[in-house]
Protein backbone atom coordinates (compact mmCIF):
# COMPACT_ATOMS: atom_id res chain seq x y z
CA MET A 1 96.24 72.80 86.14
CA GLY A 2 97.95 72.38 82.80
CA CYS A 3 101.55 72.83 81.84
CA CYS A 4 101.02 76.36 80.49
CA ASP A 5 99.22 77.47 83.64
CA ALA A 6 102.02 76.19 85.85
CA LEU A 7 104.65 77.84 83.64
CA LEU A 8 102.86 81.21 83.65
CA LYS A 9 102.41 81.01 87.42
CA ALA A 10 106.13 80.26 87.87
CA ILE A 11 107.11 83.14 85.58
CA LEU A 12 104.83 85.52 87.50
CA ILE A 13 106.24 84.39 90.84
CA ILE A 14 109.87 84.64 89.70
CA THR A 15 109.31 88.07 88.16
CA ASN A 16 107.65 89.40 91.29
CA VAL A 17 110.35 87.98 93.57
CA VAL A 18 112.93 89.85 91.46
CA VAL A 19 110.83 93.05 91.70
CA MET A 20 110.52 92.60 95.49
CA LEU A 21 114.27 92.10 95.84
CA ALA A 22 114.96 95.20 93.73
CA GLY A 23 112.57 97.24 95.89
CA LEU A 24 114.14 95.90 99.07
CA LEU A 25 117.61 96.71 97.74
CA LEU A 26 116.58 100.29 96.95
CA LEU A 27 115.08 100.67 100.41
CA ILE A 28 118.20 99.30 102.11
CA VAL A 29 120.63 101.39 100.03
CA GLY A 30 118.53 104.52 100.54
CA GLY A 31 118.26 103.89 104.27
CA VAL A 32 121.98 103.24 104.70
CA PHE A 33 122.93 106.36 102.76
CA MET A 34 120.30 108.38 104.65
CA ALA A 35 121.65 107.26 108.01
CA ARG A 36 125.33 107.60 107.15
CA LYS A 37 125.46 110.17 104.35
CA PHE A 38 128.30 112.17 105.88
CA ASP A 39 130.35 109.03 106.57
CA PHE A 40 130.40 108.17 102.87
CA PHE A 41 131.22 111.65 101.59
CA PRO A 42 132.82 113.55 104.49
CA ASP A 43 135.17 115.80 102.51
CA ILE A 44 132.80 117.03 99.84
CA GLU A 45 132.66 120.80 99.74
CA ILE A 46 130.48 122.21 97.02
CA ASP A 47 130.80 125.92 96.30
CA GLY A 48 127.50 127.76 96.37
CA VAL A 49 125.67 124.90 98.05
CA ASP A 50 124.81 125.72 101.62
CA ASP A 51 123.07 122.57 102.70
CA TYR A 52 124.58 119.36 101.39
CA SER A 53 122.07 117.21 103.27
CA ASN A 54 119.07 118.70 101.43
CA ASN A 55 120.65 117.85 98.08
CA ILE A 56 121.28 114.26 99.11
CA ASN A 57 117.79 113.92 100.59
CA ALA A 58 116.32 115.07 97.27
CA VAL A 59 117.81 111.94 95.73
CA LEU A 60 117.51 109.46 98.59
CA ILE A 61 113.85 110.01 99.41
CA PRO A 62 112.60 109.30 95.86
CA ILE A 63 114.86 106.23 95.72
CA MET A 64 113.30 104.92 98.91
CA VAL A 65 109.76 105.72 97.71
CA VAL A 66 110.35 103.84 94.45
CA GLY A 67 111.83 100.95 96.45
CA GLY A 68 108.76 100.81 98.67
CA ILE A 69 106.40 100.88 95.71
CA LEU A 70 108.34 98.09 93.97
CA LEU A 71 108.28 96.04 97.17
CA VAL A 72 104.49 96.40 97.51
CA PHE A 73 103.91 95.64 93.80
CA GLY A 74 106.06 92.54 93.97
CA LEU A 75 104.49 91.36 97.21
CA ILE A 76 100.94 91.69 95.95
CA GLY A 77 101.79 90.01 92.63
CA CYS A 78 103.68 87.18 94.29
CA LEU A 79 100.99 86.53 96.91
CA GLY A 80 98.30 86.67 94.24
CA ALA A 81 100.16 84.18 92.05
CA CYS A 82 101.02 81.82 94.92
CA THR A 83 97.55 81.73 96.46
CA GLY A 84 95.56 82.14 93.26
CA LYS A 85 93.28 84.71 94.92
CA SER A 86 91.54 86.69 92.23
CA GLY A 87 91.23 89.77 94.46
CA LEU A 88 95.00 90.12 94.83
CA LEU A 89 95.55 89.45 91.14
CA ASN A 90 92.92 92.09 90.24
CA ILE A 91 94.65 94.65 92.48
CA TYR A 92 97.98 93.72 90.89
CA PHE A 93 96.50 94.05 87.41
CA ILE A 94 95.05 97.49 88.20
CA MET A 95 98.39 98.71 89.63
CA VAL A 96 100.33 97.48 86.59
CA LEU A 97 97.72 99.02 84.27
CA ILE A 98 98.07 102.40 86.01
CA VAL A 99 101.88 102.22 85.66
CA VAL A 100 101.63 101.37 81.95
CA ILE A 101 99.16 104.22 81.33
CA ALA A 102 101.47 106.63 83.20
CA GLU A 103 104.45 105.46 81.12
CA VAL A 104 102.55 106.01 77.88
CA ALA A 105 101.49 109.48 79.03
CA ILE A 106 105.09 110.37 79.96
CA ILE A 107 106.32 109.18 76.55
CA ILE A 108 103.68 111.24 74.76
CA VAL A 109 104.56 114.36 76.78
CA ALA A 110 108.28 113.76 76.16
CA VAL A 111 107.74 113.50 72.40
CA VAL A 112 105.49 116.59 72.30
CA LYS A 113 107.76 118.71 74.54
CA LYS A 114 111.05 117.41 73.11
CA ASN A 115 112.26 120.78 71.82
CA ASP A 116 111.43 122.59 75.08
CA PHE A 117 113.36 119.96 77.03
CA GLN A 118 116.36 120.18 74.71
CA ASP A 119 116.42 123.99 74.93
CA ALA A 120 116.20 123.97 78.73
CA THR A 121 118.92 121.31 78.98
CA GLU A 122 121.26 123.19 76.63
CA GLU A 123 120.73 126.44 78.53
CA ALA A 124 121.41 124.77 81.88
CA ALA A 125 124.55 123.11 80.51
CA LYS A 126 125.83 126.40 79.08
CA GLY A 127 125.19 128.11 82.41
CA SER A 128 127.08 125.38 84.27
CA VAL A 129 130.03 125.62 81.89
CA ARG A 130 130.11 129.43 82.31
CA GLU A 131 130.07 128.98 86.10
CA VAL A 132 132.95 126.50 86.02
CA GLN A 133 134.98 128.63 83.62
CA GLY A 134 134.38 131.69 85.79
CA GLY A 135 135.55 129.81 88.89
CA LEU A 136 138.76 128.65 87.18
CA ARG A 137 139.95 132.17 86.36
C-alpha cells in the first residue's frame, strides 16, 4: 500500500468517525430531551397550543432519525475503510450517492419553487405578526 492509499484510508476513517460521533451526539441529545422535555422547559405556556409535547416531538424525532442515519453511515464507511471489504465500501458508496442525488434534487426544486416559498414565508410571517399585535392590545 502506497503513501496515497494510506492517506486516503486515514482521511476516510477520520471523516467517518466524526460522522459517527455527530450521529451519536444527535441521538443522545434527542433521547435526553425526549425523556426529560418538561424538566428543561417546565414553565413554558404557549397560547393557542394545546399539546406542548407534540410540538417538541415533531422536532426531536427527526433529530433522532438523522442521528441514527449518520451513525449507520459512519459505521459502514469506517468499517469498510478499516477492513478494506469491497462490499461495505460499495454499500457506503451507494448510500452517499443517494444522498448527493437527493441534495441535488432538493436544490433544483428550491430554485424552481423559490418564489412560491418566499410568498408562503412572507404570508406566514405577516400572520404571526398580526397574531402577536392582536394579543398585545
